[in-house]
Amino acid sequence: MSVAAPAAAVRAASRERTGKPPDEARVFADFHIHTRFSRDSLLAEERFIRVALERGLTHVAITNHNNVEGALAVRAKVRELGLEGRLTVILGEEVSTSDGEVVGLFLERTIPRGLTADKTADAIHAQGGLVSIPHPFDPFRNAHIREAPLIRLAEAGKIDAVEVFNCRVTLGRHNVAAAEFAARYKIPGIAASDTHSAYEIAMASNVLPPFSSAAELKALLPSNTWHASRSTVLIHVTTRWAVWKNVFDTWRGKRAAGGPILGPEPPEKVAKEPVERPAPSELPKREPETTSRSDDKDGPDD
C-alpha cells in the first residue's frame, strides 16, 4: 500500500506534462473467495480484509460453500473497521447442486443446496443475483458441474458469467476449455482466485468500471479485463489441512465449519439429502479479532 501514493503522484505529474486525459476510474474485483465459514478454509475475516487491501482488491465476492453467513461476517467486519469506502463486499455462495457447483453473486440469503442446477439458477435470479459457473471442466474436482446440465443452463440463457480462468485448476487446458465454452455461448468470462488461504488472495482480479449492483455488473462483464496466475498444486494441501483441523476443532467442542452441510458434497449424496440452510450451531462462532497476529493461530493458511 505504501507505493500507491507515489505511483499516483507520478501519474498525475505525467498527465500534467503531456496533457494525457485522466485515467478512467477502475475497480479490481475477485468473484470467488472462501473464508473460515467453508469447511476447507481457515481464513479469518480481519486477516482476509487486511491482505486484500494490501494487494489492491476493491471488490470481493465471498462465496463460501452453501451459506451466505460467511459473506455477511466479512461485510460486518469491514463496517466495524470503517473500511466500506475501500472494500466492497458482495454477498455470494458456492452452492452444491445435485448437478455440481454453481456460484451465486449479489445474494440476500442462503440458496438451499441439493436443488438441480436449473432450479438453483432460478433461485439465484429470483433474489436479483447473478449466476457464475466455477471451474466447469476441472476433472480433479468431483463437485464441478456436469456437462449436460451446464449446456442446458447455457442454452436457456441462465448463466451470467463463466470462470474462464480459475487459479486452482491444475492443468491449463481445463481453463482453456472453459474459455472456449464461454465463447461458444457468448457468455462473459471472469477470472477467479478461488481463495481458501491468505496466500491466494488477489491471485486473480477483474478490472472493470465501478459498479454497485448486479444489473450494473452484468452490463459491464462483456468488457471485463482480467489478470490471473495459477496457484501451485501444493495449495490443495492447505485445503486438506483446513478440513481436518475443522473436524478436530468440532470434535473438541470448538465451533468450526466442520459439518458436512458447509462442505462440498458429492452431487449424488446432496440430491438425496437436500437441506434448506445451515443451522446456527453448524456455523463457526464469531470470535473477536484484536490483532492481525491472532489470525495466524488458526493454522498455515498461507
Protein backbone atom coordinates (compact mmCIF):
# COMPACT_ATOMS: atom_id res chain seq x y z
CA MET A 1 0.00 0.00 0.00
CA SER A 2 2.93 2.32 0.63
CA VAL A 3 3.74 2.62 -3.08
CA ALA A 4 0.22 3.67 -4.08
CA ALA A 5 0.57 7.35 -3.22
CA PRO A 6 3.92 7.85 -5.03
CA ALA A 7 2.59 5.98 -8.07
CA ALA A 8 -0.49 8.19 -8.15
CA ALA A 9 1.68 11.29 -7.89
CA VAL A 10 3.83 10.11 -10.80
CA ARG A 11 0.75 9.51 -12.96
CA ALA A 12 -0.65 12.95 -12.08
CA ALA A 13 2.66 14.63 -12.93
CA SER A 14 2.81 12.75 -16.23
CA ARG A 15 -0.70 13.88 -17.17
CA GLU A 16 0.20 17.48 -16.35
CA ARG A 17 3.30 17.37 -18.60
CA THR A 18 1.76 15.51 -21.52
CA GLY A 19 -1.86 16.61 -21.41
CA LYS A 20 -2.95 12.98 -21.27
CA PRO A 21 -6.61 12.63 -20.18
CA PRO A 22 -7.14 11.48 -16.58
CA ASP A 23 -7.30 7.73 -16.04
CA GLU A 24 -10.82 6.34 -16.01
CA ALA A 25 -11.97 5.01 -12.66
CA ARG A 26 -11.49 1.27 -12.34
CA VAL A 27 -12.23 -1.33 -9.68
CA PHE A 28 -10.37 -4.58 -9.06
CA ALA A 29 -12.66 -7.48 -8.23
CA ASP A 30 -12.40 -11.16 -7.34
CA PHE A 31 -15.66 -13.10 -7.57
CA HIS A 32 -14.78 -16.41 -5.84
CA ILE A 33 -13.39 -16.35 -2.28
CA HIS A 34 -13.72 -18.71 0.69
CA THR A 35 -13.22 -17.88 4.36
CA ARG A 36 -13.44 -19.87 7.60
CA PHE A 37 -17.18 -20.38 7.02
CA SER A 38 -16.21 -23.04 4.47
CA ARG A 39 -15.12 -26.40 5.81
CA ASP A 40 -11.95 -26.28 3.68
CA SER A 41 -10.70 -22.84 4.77
CA LEU A 42 -9.27 -21.27 7.93
CA LEU A 43 -9.12 -17.70 6.61
CA ALA A 44 -10.44 -15.26 9.23
CA GLU A 45 -12.29 -12.08 8.33
CA GLU A 46 -9.82 -9.48 9.58
CA ARG A 47 -6.82 -11.16 8.02
CA PHE A 48 -8.59 -11.51 4.69
CA ILE A 49 -9.56 -7.83 4.66
CA ARG A 50 -6.06 -6.67 5.54
CA VAL A 51 -4.37 -8.75 2.84
CA ALA A 52 -6.99 -7.95 0.20
CA LEU A 53 -6.43 -4.24 0.69
CA GLU A 54 -2.65 -4.62 0.73
CA ARG A 55 -2.84 -6.38 -2.63
CA GLY A 56 -5.14 -3.88 -4.29
CA LEU A 57 -8.58 -5.50 -4.38
CA THR A 58 -11.53 -3.12 -4.16
CA HIS A 59 -14.48 -5.53 -4.66
CA VAL A 60 -14.70 -9.08 -3.31
CA ALA A 61 -17.39 -11.74 -3.58
CA ILE A 62 -17.31 -14.04 -0.55
CA THR A 63 -18.65 -17.37 -1.80
CA ASN A 64 -18.47 -19.93 0.99
CA HIS A 65 -19.88 -23.40 0.49
CA ASN A 66 -23.65 -23.43 0.97
CA ASN A 67 -24.01 -20.31 3.12
CA VAL A 68 -24.01 -16.52 2.85
CA GLU A 69 -23.30 -16.13 6.57
CA GLY A 70 -19.56 -16.06 5.89
CA ALA A 71 -20.03 -13.19 3.44
CA LEU A 72 -22.15 -11.35 6.00
CA ALA A 73 -19.37 -11.79 8.56
CA VAL A 74 -16.80 -10.22 6.23
CA ARG A 75 -19.13 -7.34 5.39
CA ALA A 76 -19.79 -6.73 9.10
CA LYS A 77 -16.04 -6.70 9.83
CA VAL A 78 -15.44 -4.21 7.01
CA ARG A 79 -18.07 -1.92 8.53
CA GLU A 80 -16.62 -2.37 12.01
CA LEU A 81 -13.18 -1.36 10.76
CA GLY A 82 -14.57 1.66 8.89
CA LEU A 83 -13.32 0.39 5.51
CA GLU A 84 -16.53 0.47 3.48
CA GLY A 85 -15.09 3.15 1.20
CA ARG A 86 -12.10 0.93 0.35
CA LEU A 87 -13.52 -2.60 0.12
CA THR A 88 -16.93 -3.55 -1.25
CA VAL A 89 -18.20 -6.97 -0.15
CA ILE A 90 -20.56 -8.85 -2.47
CA LEU A 91 -22.69 -11.49 -0.76
CA GLY A 92 -22.21 -14.79 -2.56
CA GLU A 93 -22.39 -18.55 -2.16
CA GLU A 94 -20.94 -21.60 -3.88
CA VAL A 95 -23.97 -23.87 -3.96
CA SER A 96 -23.71 -27.67 -4.01
CA THR A 97 -26.46 -28.52 -6.50
CA SER A 98 -27.44 -32.04 -7.45
CA ASP A 99 -25.65 -31.40 -10.76
CA GLY A 100 -22.46 -29.87 -9.36
CA GLU A 101 -21.37 -26.49 -8.02
CA VAL A 102 -22.89 -23.15 -9.05
CA VAL A 103 -21.94 -19.73 -7.67
CA GLY A 104 -24.50 -17.07 -6.83
CA LEU A 105 -23.47 -13.40 -6.58
CA PHE A 106 -25.39 -10.47 -5.05
CA LEU A 107 -27.50 -12.73 -2.86
CA GLU A 108 -29.68 -11.78 0.09
CA ARG A 109 -29.97 -15.19 1.78
CA THR A 110 -28.64 -18.73 1.52
CA ILE A 111 -29.69 -20.79 -1.50
CA PRO A 112 -30.68 -24.34 -0.48
CA ARG A 113 -28.21 -27.00 -1.52
CA GLY A 114 -29.40 -30.15 -3.27
CA LEU A 115 -31.59 -28.49 -5.91
CA THR A 116 -30.88 -29.06 -9.59
CA ALA A 117 -28.56 -26.61 -11.30
CA ASP A 118 -31.55 -25.23 -13.21
CA LYS A 119 -33.61 -24.60 -10.06
CA THR A 120 -30.57 -23.17 -8.31
CA ALA A 121 -30.04 -20.69 -11.14
CA ASP A 122 -33.70 -19.69 -10.92
CA ALA A 123 -33.40 -19.23 -7.14
CA ILE A 124 -30.33 -17.01 -7.60
CA HIS A 125 -32.04 -14.88 -10.24
CA ALA A 126 -35.17 -14.65 -8.07
CA GLN A 127 -33.03 -12.82 -5.49
CA GLY A 128 -31.78 -10.44 -8.18
CA GLY A 129 -28.42 -12.19 -8.22
CA LEU A 130 -26.06 -13.39 -10.93
CA VAL A 131 -25.18 -16.98 -11.84
CA SER A 132 -21.49 -17.80 -12.26
CA ILE A 133 -20.12 -21.23 -13.16
CA PRO A 134 -16.94 -22.14 -11.25
CA HIS A 135 -14.16 -24.34 -12.72
CA PRO A 136 -16.61 -26.10 -15.10
CA PHE A 137 -14.17 -28.54 -16.73
CA ASP A 138 -11.75 -29.36 -13.91
CA PRO A 139 -11.79 -33.19 -13.73
CA PHE A 140 -9.83 -33.22 -10.48
CA ARG A 141 -12.80 -31.76 -8.60
CA ASN A 142 -15.71 -34.16 -8.35
CA ALA A 143 -18.06 -31.31 -7.44
CA HIS A 144 -17.73 -29.41 -10.74
CA ILE A 145 -20.94 -29.09 -12.72
CA ARG A 146 -21.67 -31.91 -15.14
CA GLU A 147 -21.60 -31.10 -18.84
CA ALA A 148 -25.22 -31.86 -19.74
CA PRO A 149 -26.75 -29.58 -17.06
CA LEU A 150 -24.14 -26.94 -17.93
CA ILE A 151 -25.18 -26.95 -21.57
CA ARG A 152 -28.86 -26.76 -20.62
CA LEU A 153 -28.19 -23.70 -18.49
CA ALA A 154 -26.23 -22.05 -21.29
CA GLU A 155 -28.87 -22.77 -23.90
CA ALA A 156 -31.56 -21.39 -21.59
CA GLY A 157 -29.57 -18.18 -21.12
CA LYS A 158 -29.32 -18.67 -17.35
CA ILE A 159 -25.55 -18.19 -16.98
CA ASP A 160 -24.27 -14.66 -16.38
CA ALA A 161 -20.56 -15.49 -16.17
CA VAL A 162 -18.16 -18.41 -16.55
CA GLU A 163 -14.84 -18.77 -14.78
CA VAL A 164 -12.59 -18.93 -17.82
CA PHE A 165 -9.59 -18.86 -15.50
CA ASN A 166 -9.66 -20.43 -12.05
CA CYS A 167 -6.33 -20.19 -10.24
CA ARG A 168 -6.77 -23.58 -8.56
CA VAL A 169 -7.29 -25.52 -11.79
CA THR A 170 -4.36 -27.92 -12.01
CA LEU A 171 -3.94 -28.12 -15.79
CA GLY A 172 -4.17 -25.05 -18.01
CA ARG A 173 -6.10 -26.85 -20.73
CA HIS A 174 -9.15 -27.10 -18.47
CA ASN A 175 -9.26 -23.31 -18.16
CA VAL A 176 -8.93 -23.15 -21.95
CA ALA A 177 -11.93 -25.48 -22.25
CA ALA A 178 -13.93 -23.13 -20.02
CA ALA A 179 -12.93 -20.14 -22.17
CA GLU A 180 -13.95 -21.97 -25.33
CA PHE A 181 -17.30 -22.89 -23.81
CA ALA A 182 -17.95 -19.29 -22.75
CA ALA A 183 -17.06 -18.03 -26.24
CA ARG A 184 -19.27 -20.63 -27.90
CA TYR A 185 -22.32 -19.48 -25.94
CA LYS A 186 -21.32 -15.80 -25.84
CA ILE A 187 -21.15 -15.75 -22.04
CA PRO A 188 -18.81 -13.23 -20.36
CA GLY A 189 -15.69 -14.71 -18.82
CA ILE A 190 -14.16 -13.90 -15.45
CA ALA A 191 -11.04 -14.90 -13.57
CA ALA A 192 -11.31 -16.25 -10.03
CA SER A 193 -8.70 -16.94 -7.39
CA ASP A 194 -10.95 -19.47 -5.61
CA THR A 195 -9.12 -18.27 -2.50
CA HIS A 196 -9.07 -20.56 0.53
CA SER A 197 -5.92 -19.13 2.16
CA ALA A 198 -4.14 -15.80 2.58
CA TYR A 199 -1.51 -16.85 0.05
CA GLU A 200 -4.12 -16.93 -2.74
CA ILE A 201 -5.75 -13.56 -2.15
CA ALA A 202 -5.69 -11.38 -5.30
CA MET A 203 -4.10 -14.04 -7.50
CA ALA A 204 -6.95 -13.11 -9.83
CA SER A 205 -8.55 -9.73 -10.46
CA ASN A 206 -11.15 -8.45 -12.86
CA VAL A 207 -10.68 -4.84 -13.95
CA LEU A 208 -13.96 -3.02 -14.53
CA PRO A 209 -15.56 0.41 -14.29
CA PRO A 210 -17.20 0.98 -10.89
CA PHE A 211 -20.42 -0.91 -10.22
CA SER A 212 -22.77 -1.17 -7.25
CA SER A 213 -25.44 -3.68 -8.25
CA ALA A 214 -25.93 -6.98 -10.02
CA ALA A 215 -27.50 -5.23 -13.01
CA GLU A 216 -24.57 -2.83 -13.35
CA LEU A 217 -22.04 -5.66 -13.11
CA LYS A 218 -23.91 -7.75 -15.69
CA ALA A 219 -23.86 -4.84 -18.13
CA LEU A 220 -20.11 -4.37 -17.63
CA LEU A 221 -18.97 -8.02 -17.74
CA PRO A 222 -18.71 -8.25 -21.56
CA SER A 223 -15.93 -5.65 -21.43
CA ASN A 224 -14.15 -7.25 -18.46
CA THR A 225 -10.35 -7.37 -18.47
CA TRP A 226 -8.87 -9.95 -16.13
CA HIS A 227 -5.44 -10.84 -14.83
CA ALA A 228 -4.55 -14.08 -13.05
CA SER A 229 -1.95 -16.76 -12.45
CA ARG A 230 -2.32 -20.40 -11.47
CA SER A 231 -1.68 -21.50 -7.90
CA THR A 232 0.83 -24.20 -7.14
CA VAL A 233 -0.75 -27.64 -6.90
CA LEU A 234 0.59 -27.77 -3.34
CA ILE A 235 -2.04 -25.19 -2.37
CA HIS A 236 -4.51 -28.07 -2.11
CA VAL A 237 -2.55 -29.29 0.92
CA THR A 238 -3.77 -26.23 2.83
CA THR A 239 -7.36 -27.15 1.96
CA ARG A 240 -6.91 -30.69 3.29
CA TRP A 241 -5.30 -29.26 6.44
CA ALA A 242 -8.26 -26.93 6.92
CA VAL A 243 -10.76 -29.79 6.58
CA TRP A 244 -9.02 -31.93 9.18
CA LYS A 245 -8.43 -29.03 11.57
CA ASN A 246 -12.07 -28.00 11.37
CA VAL A 247 -13.16 -31.60 12.01
CA PHE A 248 -10.79 -31.82 15.00
CA ASP A 249 -11.95 -28.48 16.40
CA THR A 250 -15.56 -29.60 16.09
CA TRP A 251 -14.73 -32.86 17.88
CA ARG A 252 -13.17 -30.99 20.82
CA GLY A 253 -16.16 -28.69 21.11
CA LYS A 254 -14.89 -25.60 19.31
CA ARG A 255 -17.46 -24.38 16.84
CA ALA A 256 -15.95 -24.58 13.37
CA ALA A 257 -17.03 -25.14 9.78
CA GLY A 258 -16.57 -28.88 10.17
CA GLY A 259 -20.04 -30.14 9.44
CA PRO A 260 -20.87 -31.65 6.05
CA ILE A 261 -23.56 -29.04 5.48
CA LEU A 262 -20.85 -26.46 4.80
CA GLY A 263 -18.60 -28.71 2.78
CA PRO A 264 -18.63 -29.52 -0.93
CA GLU A 265 -20.60 -32.75 -1.10
CA PRO A 266 -20.86 -35.29 -3.93
CA PRO A 267 -23.91 -34.40 -6.05
CA GLU A 268 -25.34 -37.92 -5.61
CA LYS A 269 -25.40 -37.52 -1.84
CA VAL A 270 -26.72 -33.98 -1.92
CA ALA A 271 -29.57 -34.97 -4.21
CA LYS A 272 -30.82 -37.42 -1.60
CA GLU A 273 -30.47 -35.07 1.36
CA PRO A 274 -31.48 -31.52 0.42
CA VAL A 275 -31.01 -29.03 3.26
CA GLU A 276 -32.61 -25.60 3.46
CA ARG A 277 -29.74 -23.73 5.12
CA PRO A 278 -27.07 -24.21 7.79
CA ALA A 279 -28.30 -24.18 11.37
CA PRO A 280 -26.61 -21.56 13.59
CA SER A 281 -24.93 -24.33 15.58
CA GLU A 282 -23.21 -25.55 12.41
CA LEU A 283 -21.60 -22.19 11.62
CA PRO A 284 -18.31 -21.04 13.12
CA LYS A 285 -18.60 -18.97 16.27
CA ARG A 286 -17.56 -15.39 15.56
CA GLU A 287 -14.63 -14.65 17.81
CA PRO A 288 -13.10 -11.21 18.49
CA GLU A 289 -10.01 -10.47 16.44
CA THR A 290 -7.96 -7.91 18.30
CA THR A 291 -4.71 -8.14 16.32
CA SER A 292 -3.54 -9.46 13.00
CA ARG A 293 -1.35 -11.99 14.83
CA SER A 294 -4.38 -13.67 16.33
CA ASP A 295 -5.44 -14.89 12.89
CA ASP A 296 -2.17 -16.75 12.45
CA LYS A 297 -3.06 -19.13 15.26
CA ASP A 298 -5.68 -20.80 13.10
CA GLY A 299 -3.14 -22.66 11.02
CA PRO A 300 -0.94 -22.36 7.92
CA ASP A 301 -3.45 -20.80 5.54
CA ASP A 302 -0.79 -19.02 3.53
